[in-house]
PDB file of N, CA and C in Angstrom:
ATOM      1  N   MET A   1       0.217 -14.599   9.069  1.00  0.00           N
ATOM      2  CA  MET A   1      -0.179 -13.244   8.756  1.00  0.00           C
ATOM      3  C   MET A   1       0.114 -12.957   7.282  1.00  0.00           C
ATOM      4  N   ASN A   2      -0.816 -12.295   6.645  1.00  0.00           N
ATOM      5  CA  ASN A   2      -0.635 -11.880   5.252  1.00  0.00           C
ATOM      6  C   ASN A   2       0.476 -10.836   5.204  1.00  0.00           C
ATOM      7  N   GLU A   3       1.483 -11.083   4.405  1.00  0.00           N
ATOM      8  CA  GLU A   3       2.647 -10.205   4.356  1.00  0.00           C
ATOM      9  C   GLU A   3       2.310  -8.799   3.867  1.00  0.00           C
ATOM     10  N   SER A   4       1.255  -8.660   3.096  1.00  0.00           N
ATOM     11  CA  SER A   4       0.927  -7.341   2.560  1.00  0.00           C
ATOM     12  C   SER A   4       0.480  -6.357   3.642  1.00  0.00           C
ATOM     13  N   VAL A   5      -0.012  -6.840   4.777  1.00  0.00           N
ATOM     14  CA  VAL A   5      -0.446  -5.930   5.837  1.00  0.00           C
ATOM     15  C   VAL A   5       0.728  -5.164   6.443  1.00  0.00           C
ATOM     16  N   ARG A   6       1.926  -5.620   6.194  1.00  0.00           N
ATOM     17  CA  ARG A   6       3.111  -4.957   6.729  1.00  0.00           C
ATOM     18  C   ARG A   6       3.565  -3.780   5.859  1.00  0.00           C
ATOM     19  N   HIS A   7       2.906  -3.589   4.728  1.00  0.00           N
ATOM     20  CA  HIS A   7       3.294  -2.517   3.809  1.00  0.00           C
ATOM     21  C   HIS A   7       2.220  -1.434   3.767  1.00  0.00           C
ATOM     22  N   VAL A   8       2.663  -0.196   3.863  1.00  0.00           N
ATOM     23  CA  VAL A   8       1.757   0.944   3.885  1.00  0.00           C
ATOM     24  C   VAL A   8       1.023   1.072   2.562  1.00  0.00           C
ATOM     25  N   LYS A   9      -0.277   1.310   2.667  1.00  0.00           N
ATOM     26  CA  LYS A   9      -1.110   1.557   1.484  1.00  0.00           C
ATOM     27  C   LYS A   9      -1.806   2.896   1.699  1.00  0.00           C
ATOM     28  N   ILE A  10      -1.660   3.783   0.734  1.00  0.00           N
ATOM     29  CA  ILE A  10      -2.211   5.126   0.858  1.00  0.00           C
ATOM     30  C   ILE A  10      -3.200   5.370  -0.274  1.00  0.00           C
ATOM     31  N   VAL A  11      -4.386   5.854   0.086  1.00  0.00           N
ATOM     32  CA  VAL A  11      -5.379   6.281  -0.901  1.00  0.00           C
ATOM     33  C   VAL A  11      -5.723   7.719  -0.544  1.00  0.00           C
ATOM     34  N   LYS A  12      -5.520   8.623  -1.489  1.00  0.00           N
ATOM     35  CA  LYS A  12      -5.840  10.022  -1.229  1.00  0.00           C
ATOM     36  C   LYS A  12      -6.449  10.664  -2.472  1.00  0.00           C
ATOM     37  N   TRP A  13      -7.204  11.713  -2.244  1.00  0.00           N
ATOM     38  CA  TRP A  13      -7.835  12.449  -3.330  1.00  0.00           C
ATOM     39  C   TRP A  13      -6.790  13.329  -4.004  1.00  0.00           C
ATOM     40  N   SER A  14      -6.797  13.350  -5.312  1.00  0.00           N
ATOM     41  CA  SER A  14      -5.898  14.208  -6.086  1.00  0.00           C
ATOM     42  C   SER A  14      -6.723  15.290  -6.766  1.00  0.00           C
ATOM     43  N   ASP A  15      -6.527  16.537  -6.335  1.00  0.00           N
ATOM     44  CA  ASP A  15      -7.217  17.649  -6.991  1.00  0.00           C
ATOM     45  C   ASP A  15      -6.792  17.768  -8.452  1.00  0.00           C
ATOM     46  N   GLU A  16      -5.518  17.502  -8.685  1.00  0.00           N
ATOM     47  CA  GLU A  16      -4.986  17.600 -10.044  1.00  0.00           C
ATOM     48  C   GLU A  16      -5.650  16.591 -10.982  1.00  0.00           C
ATOM     49  N   ASP A  17      -5.817  15.364 -10.516  1.00  0.00           N
ATOM     50  CA  ASP A  17      -6.375  14.300 -11.355  1.00  0.00           C
ATOM     51  C   ASP A  17      -7.893  14.154 -11.198  1.00  0.00           C
ATOM     52  N   GLN A  18      -8.451  14.785 -10.160  1.00  0.00           N
ATOM     53  CA  GLN A  18      -9.877  14.690  -9.862  1.00  0.00           C
ATOM     54  C   GLN A  18     -10.328  13.242  -9.667  1.00  0.00           C
ATOM     55  N   CYS A  19      -9.508  12.500  -8.914  1.00  0.00           N
ATOM     56  CA  CYS A  19      -9.846  11.118  -8.580  1.00  0.00           C
ATOM     57  C   CYS A  19      -9.013  10.703  -7.376  1.00  0.00           C
ATOM     58  N   TYR A  20      -9.340   9.525  -6.821  1.00  0.00           N
ATOM     59  CA  TYR A  20      -8.534   8.950  -5.744  1.00  0.00           C
ATOM     60  C   TYR A  20      -7.340   8.241  -6.357  1.00  0.00           C
ATOM     61  N   VAL A  21      -6.193   8.368  -5.687  1.00  0.00           N
ATOM     62  CA  VAL A  21      -4.965   7.743  -6.162  1.00  0.00           C
ATOM     63  C   VAL A  21      -4.432   6.848  -5.045  1.00  0.00           C
ATOM     64  N   GLY A  22      -4.111   5.604  -5.391  1.00  0.00           N
ATOM     65  CA  GLY A  22      -3.586   4.653  -4.416  1.00  0.00           C
ATOM     66  C   GLY A  22      -2.120   4.374  -4.684  1.00  0.00           C
ATOM     67  N   SER A  23      -1.335   4.277  -3.609  1.00  0.00           N
ATOM     68  CA  SER A  23       0.091   3.969  -3.748  1.00  0.00           C
ATOM     69  C   SER A  23       0.569   3.158  -2.551  1.00  0.00           C
ATOM     70  N   ALA A  24       1.700   2.515  -2.730  1.00  0.00           N
ATOM     71  CA  ALA A  24       2.342   1.746  -1.659  1.00  0.00           C
ATOM     72  C   ALA A  24       3.831   2.109  -1.679  1.00  0.00           C
ATOM     73  N   PRO A  25       4.179   3.226  -1.028  1.00  0.00           N
ATOM     74  CA  PRO A  25       5.554   3.719  -1.066  1.00  0.00           C
ATOM     75  C   PRO A  25       6.563   2.666  -0.619  1.00  0.00           C
ATOM     76  N   GLY A  26       7.644   2.602  -1.360  1.00  0.00           N
ATOM     77  CA  GLY A  26       8.713   1.666  -1.037  1.00  0.00           C
ATOM     78  C   GLY A  26       8.541   0.296  -1.650  1.00  0.00           C
ATOM     79  N   LEU A  27       7.324  -0.053  -2.019  1.00  0.00           N
ATOM     80  CA  LEU A  27       7.079  -1.385  -2.559  1.00  0.00           C
ATOM     81  C   LEU A  27       6.817  -1.344  -4.059  1.00  0.00           C
ATOM     82  N   ILE A  28       5.966  -0.423  -4.490  1.00  0.00           N
ATOM     83  CA  ILE A  28       5.654  -0.320  -5.920  1.00  0.00           C
ATOM     84  C   ILE A  28       5.814   1.126  -6.378  1.00  0.00           C
ATOM     85  N   TYR A  29       6.135   1.285  -7.626  1.00  0.00           N
ATOM     86  CA  TYR A  29       6.173   2.603  -8.243  1.00  0.00           C
ATOM     87  C   TYR A  29       4.887   2.732  -9.047  1.00  0.00           C
ATOM     88  N   GLY A  30       4.224   3.840  -8.908  1.00  0.00           N
ATOM     89  CA  GLY A  30       2.925   3.971  -9.546  1.00  0.00           C
ATOM     90  C   GLY A  30       1.852   3.525  -8.586  1.00  0.00           C
ATOM     91  N   GLY A  31       0.768   3.056  -9.112  1.00  0.00           N
ATOM     92  CA  GLY A  31      -0.323   2.625  -8.256  1.00  0.00           C
ATOM     93  C   GLY A  31      -1.589   2.458  -9.060  1.00  0.00           C
ATOM     94  N   CYS A  32      -2.683   2.976  -8.536  1.00  0.00           N
ATOM     95  CA  CYS A  32      -3.964   2.860  -9.212  1.00  0.00           C
ATOM     96  C   CYS A  32      -4.780   4.107  -8.909  1.00  0.00           C
ATOM     97  N   HIS A  33      -5.873   4.263  -9.631  1.00  0.00           N
ATOM     98  CA  HIS A  33      -6.713   5.441  -9.414  1.00  0.00           C
ATOM     99  C   HIS A  33      -8.155   5.136  -9.800  1.00  0.00           C
ATOM    100  N   GLY A  34      -9.067   5.974  -9.316  1.00  0.00           N
ATOM    101  CA  GLY A  34     -10.476   5.810  -9.652  1.00  0.00           C
ATOM    102  C   GLY A  34     -11.345   6.762  -8.871  1.00  0.00           C
ATOM    103  N   GLN A  35     -12.629   6.719  -9.124  1.00  0.00           N
ATOM    104  CA  GLN A  35     -13.583   7.633  -8.497  1.00  0.00           C
ATOM    105  C   GLN A  35     -14.115   7.125  -7.150  1.00  0.00           C
ATOM    106  N   ASP A  36     -13.979   5.838  -6.879  1.00  0.00           N
ATOM    107  CA  ASP A  36     -14.500   5.253  -5.647  1.00  0.00           C
ATOM    108  C   ASP A  36     -13.337   4.898  -4.720  1.00  0.00           C
ATOM    109  N   GLU A  37     -13.290   5.545  -3.563  1.00  0.00           N
ATOM    110  CA  GLU A  37     -12.176   5.369  -2.634  1.00  0.00           C
ATOM    111  C   GLU A  37     -12.002   3.909  -2.204  1.00  0.00           C
ATOM    112  N   THR A  38     -13.098   3.237  -1.895  1.00  0.00           N
ATOM    113  CA  THR A  38     -13.030   1.845  -1.458  1.00  0.00           C
ATOM    114  C   THR A  38     -12.529   0.941  -2.578  1.00  0.00           C
ATOM    115  N   ALA A  39     -13.013   1.164  -3.781  1.00  0.00           N
ATOM    116  CA  ALA A  39     -12.582   0.349  -4.925  1.00  0.00           C
ATOM    117  C   ALA A  39     -11.097   0.552  -5.199  1.00  0.00           C
ATOM    118  N   VAL A  40     -10.615   1.777  -5.052  1.00  0.00           N
ATOM    119  CA  VAL A  40      -9.188   2.054  -5.264  1.00  0.00           C
ATOM    120  C   VAL A  40      -8.364   1.311  -4.212  1.00  0.00           C
ATOM    121  N   PHE A  41      -8.819   1.323  -2.952  1.00  0.00           N
ATOM    122  CA  PHE A  41      -8.088   0.614  -1.902  1.00  0.00           C
ATOM    123  C   PHE A  41      -8.063  -0.890  -2.166  1.00  0.00           C
ATOM    124  N   GLU A  42      -9.194  -1.443  -2.568  1.00  0.00           N
ATOM    125  CA  GLU A  42      -9.248  -2.883  -2.853  1.00  0.00           C
ATOM    126  C   GLU A  42      -8.310  -3.248  -4.006  1.00  0.00           C
ATOM    127  N   GLU A  43      -8.301  -2.415  -5.052  1.00  0.00           N
ATOM    128  CA  GLU A  43      -7.394  -2.667  -6.178  1.00  0.00           C
ATOM    129  C   GLU A  43      -5.941  -2.546  -5.734  1.00  0.00           C
ATOM    130  N   LEU A  44      -5.654  -1.547  -4.900  1.00  0.00           N
ATOM    131  CA  LEU A  44      -4.295  -1.362  -4.397  1.00  0.00           C
ATOM    132  C   LEU A  44      -3.843  -2.583  -3.594  1.00  0.00           C
ATOM    133  N   CYS A  45      -4.717  -3.131  -2.772  1.00  0.00           N
ATOM    134  CA  CYS A  45      -4.372  -4.329  -1.993  1.00  0.00           C
ATOM    135  C   CYS A  45      -4.029  -5.494  -2.918  1.00  0.00           C
ATOM    136  N   GLN A  46      -4.776  -5.649  -4.003  1.00  0.00           N
ATOM    137  CA  GLN A  46      -4.488  -6.706  -4.974  1.00  0.00           C
ATOM    138  C   GLN A  46      -3.137  -6.469  -5.654  1.00  0.00           C
ATOM    139  N   ILE A  47      -2.851  -5.220  -5.978  1.00  0.00           N
ATOM    140  CA  ILE A  47      -1.570  -4.886  -6.613  1.00  0.00           C
ATOM    141  C   ILE A  47      -0.414  -5.196  -5.672  1.00  0.00           C
ATOM    142  N   VAL A  48      -0.578  -4.843  -4.402  1.00  0.00           N
ATOM    143  CA  VAL A  48       0.470  -5.117  -3.407  1.00  0.00           C
ATOM    144  C   VAL A  48       0.677  -6.623  -3.269  1.00  0.00           C
ATOM    145  N   ASP A  49      -0.410  -7.382  -3.160  1.00  0.00           N
ATOM    146  CA  ASP A  49      -0.294  -8.844  -3.054  1.00  0.00           C
ATOM    147  C   ASP A  49       0.440  -9.414  -4.272  1.00  0.00           C
ATOM    148  N   HIS A  50       0.061  -8.954  -5.457  1.00  0.00           N
ATOM    149  CA  HIS A  50       0.688  -9.437  -6.695  1.00  0.00           C
ATOM    150  C   HIS A  50       2.171  -9.040  -6.737  1.00  0.00           C
ATOM    151  N   SER A  51       2.490  -7.836  -6.305  1.00  0.00           N
ATOM    152  CA  SER A  51       3.886  -7.385  -6.292  1.00  0.00           C
ATOM    153  C   SER A  51       4.731  -8.258  -5.367  1.00  0.00           C
ATOM    154  N   ILE A  52       4.184  -8.593  -4.214  1.00  0.00           N
ATOM    155  CA  ILE A  52       4.902  -9.458  -3.268  1.00  0.00           C
ATOM    156  C   ILE A  52       5.145 -10.827  -3.893  1.00  0.00           C
ATOM    157  N   GLU A  53       4.132 -11.364  -4.573  1.00  0.00           N
ATOM    158  CA  GLU A  53       4.294 -12.644  -5.269  1.00  0.00           C
ATOM    159  C   GLU A  53       5.400 -12.568  -6.322  1.00  0.00           C
ATOM    160  N   LEU A  54       5.448 -11.459  -7.064  1.00  0.00           N
ATOM    161  CA  LEU A  54       6.491 -11.295  -8.091  1.00  0.00           C
ATOM    162  C   LEU A  54       7.884 -11.228  -7.473  1.00  0.00           C
ATOM    163  N   TYR A  55       8.024 -10.463  -6.389  1.00  0.00           N
ATOM    164  CA  TYR A  55       9.316 -10.397  -5.695  1.00  0.00           C
ATOM    165  C   TYR A  55       9.775 -11.807  -5.320  1.00  0.00           C
ATOM    166  N   LYS A  56       8.866 -12.566  -4.716  1.00  0.00           N
ATOM    167  CA  LYS A  56       9.209 -13.922  -4.271  1.00  0.00           C
ATOM    168  C   LYS A  56       9.524 -14.843  -5.446  1.00  0.00           C
ATOM    169  N   ALA A  57       8.723 -14.764  -6.514  1.00  0.00           N
ATOM    170  CA  ALA A  57       8.941 -15.619  -7.693  1.00  0.00           C
ATOM    171  C   ALA A  57      10.284 -15.336  -8.346  1.00  0.00           C
ATOM    172  N   GLN A  58      10.722 -14.088  -8.274  1.00  0.00           N
ATOM    173  CA  GLN A  58      11.994 -13.702  -8.885  1.00  0.00           C
ATOM    174  C   GLN A  58      13.164 -13.857  -7.913  1.00  0.00           C
ATOM    175  N   GLY A  59      12.878 -14.292  -6.698  1.00  0.00           N
ATOM    176  CA  GLY A  59      13.921 -14.497  -5.701  1.00  0.00           C
ATOM    177  C   GLY A  59      14.525 -13.207  -5.183  1.00  0.00           C
ATOM    178  N   LYS A  60      13.795 -12.107  -5.318  1.00  0.00           N
ATOM    179  CA  LYS A  60      14.291 -10.808  -4.857  1.00  0.00           C
ATOM    180  C   LYS A  60      13.803 -10.562  -3.430  1.00  0.00           C
ATOM    181  N   PRO A  61      14.643  -9.928  -2.610  1.00  0.00           N
ATOM    182  CA  PRO A  61      14.183  -9.596  -1.255  1.00  0.00           C
ATOM    183  C   PRO A  61      13.144  -8.473  -1.310  1.00  0.00           C
ATOM    184  N   LEU A  62      12.162  -8.573  -0.454  1.00  0.00           N
ATOM    185  CA  LEU A  62      11.152  -7.520  -0.363  1.00  0.00           C
ATOM    186  C   LEU A  62      11.746  -6.274   0.274  1.00  0.00           C
ATOM    187  N   PRO A  63      11.304  -5.103  -0.155  1.00  0.00           N
ATOM    188  CA  PRO A  63      11.720  -3.884   0.553  1.00  0.00           C
ATOM    189  C   PRO A  63      11.252  -3.977   1.996  1.00  0.00           C
ATOM    190  N   PRO A  64      11.938  -3.321   2.904  1.00  0.00           N
ATOM    191  CA  PRO A  64      11.510  -3.387   4.303  1.00  0.00           C
ATOM    192  C   PRO A  64      10.101  -2.814   4.458  1.00  0.00           C
ATOM    193  N   PRO A  65       9.272  -3.461   5.262  1.00  0.00           N
ATOM    194  CA  PRO A  65       7.910  -2.960   5.456  1.00  0.00           C
ATOM    195  C   PRO A  65       7.932  -1.615   6.170  1.00  0.00           C
ATOM    196  N   ALA A  66       7.006  -0.754   5.798  1.00  0.00           N
ATOM    197  CA  ALA A  66       6.937   0.570   6.415  1.00  0.00           C
ATOM    198  C   ALA A  66       5.781   0.688   7.397  1.00  0.00           C
ATOM    199  N   ALA A  67       4.842  -0.232   7.370  1.00  0.00           N
ATOM    200  CA  ALA A  67       3.688  -0.144   8.262  1.00  0.00           C
ATOM    201  C   ALA A  67       4.135  -0.242   9.715  1.00  0.00           C
ATOM    202  N   GLY A  68       3.553   0.595  10.544  1.00  0.00           N
ATOM    203  CA  GLY A  68       3.848   0.548  11.974  1.00  0.00           C
ATOM    204  C   GLY A  68       5.114   1.253  12.380  1.00  0.00           C
ATOM    205  N   ARG A  69       5.727   2.007  11.490  1.00  0.00           N
ATOM    206  CA  ARG A  69       6.981   2.659  11.824  1.00  0.00           C
ATOM    207  C   ARG A  69       6.838   4.107  12.253  1.00  0.00           C
ATOM    208  N   ASP A  70       5.622   4.627  12.290  1.00  0.00           N
ATOM    209  CA  ASP A  70       5.479   6.025  12.642  1.00  0.00           C
ATOM    210  C   ASP A  70       4.872   6.189  14.029  1.00  0.00           C
ATOM    211  N   LEU A  71       4.949   7.379  14.542  1.00  0.00           N
ATOM    212  CA  LEU A  71       4.476   7.652  15.896  1.00  0.00           C
ATOM    213  C   LEU A  71       2.981   7.419  16.031  1.00  0.00           C
ATOM    214  N   ALA A  72       2.208   7.798  15.013  1.00  0.00           N
ATOM    215  CA  ALA A  72       0.757   7.630  15.090  1.00  0.00           C
ATOM    216  C   ALA A  72       0.395   6.159  15.295  1.00  0.00           C
ATOM    217  N   ASN A  73       1.060   5.269  14.593  1.00  0.00           N
ATOM    218  CA  ASN A  73       0.771   3.847  14.757  1.00  0.00           C
ATOM    219  C   ASN A  73       1.204   3.368  16.139  1.00  0.00           C
ATOM    220  N   LYS A  74       2.304   3.878  16.668  1.00  0.00           N
ATOM    221  CA  LYS A  74       2.744   3.490  18.000  1.00  0.00           C
ATOM    222  C   LYS A  74       1.761   3.951  19.059  1.00  0.00           C
ATOM    223  N   LEU A  75       1.232   5.154  18.885  1.00  0.00           N
ATOM    224  CA  LEU A  75       0.272   5.683  19.851  1.00  0.00           C
ATOM    225  C   LEU A  75      -1.027   4.900  19.849  1.00  0.00           C
ATOM    226  N   GLN A  76      -1.411   4.342  18.720  1.00  0.00           N
ATOM    227  CA  GLN A  76      -2.635   3.555  18.655  1.00  0.00           C
ATOM    228  C   GLN A  76      -2.540   2.300  19.506  1.00  0.00           C
ATOM    229  N   ASP A  77      -1.323   1.823  19.744  1.00  0.00           N
ATOM    230  CA  ASP A  77      -1.139   0.605  20.538  1.00  0.00           C
ATOM    231  C   ASP A  77      -1.278   0.875  22.036  1.00  0.00           C
ATOM    232  N   ILE A  78      -1.302   2.150  22.435  1.00  0.00           N
ATOM    233  CA  ILE A  78      -1.415   2.491  23.856  1.00  0.00           C
ATOM    234  C   ILE A  78      -2.898   2.553  24.222  1.00  0.00           C
ATOM    235  N   THR A  79      -3.295   1.661  25.108  1.00  0.00           N
ATOM    236  CA  THR A  79      -4.704   1.657  25.545  1.00  0.00           C
ATOM    237  C   THR A  79      -4.818   1.556  27.035  1.00  0.00           C
TER     238      THR A  79
END
């Protein structure tokens, strides 16, 4: 499994910036932005992958993954 799927990625519209802003709380500070929501998400995924590679290259432990830790994600597993 790709390790980046375990980390939350958020893309939301910013009224203040008038663009989409992507972030990965707990893993990276900052993020990316742009006018196309899909393009911002794709760039964010690349940033997360690169950040994970940097953590590993520097021998630093990764922050704990946040994906799947909320009630909404738990409820999605109930079918």
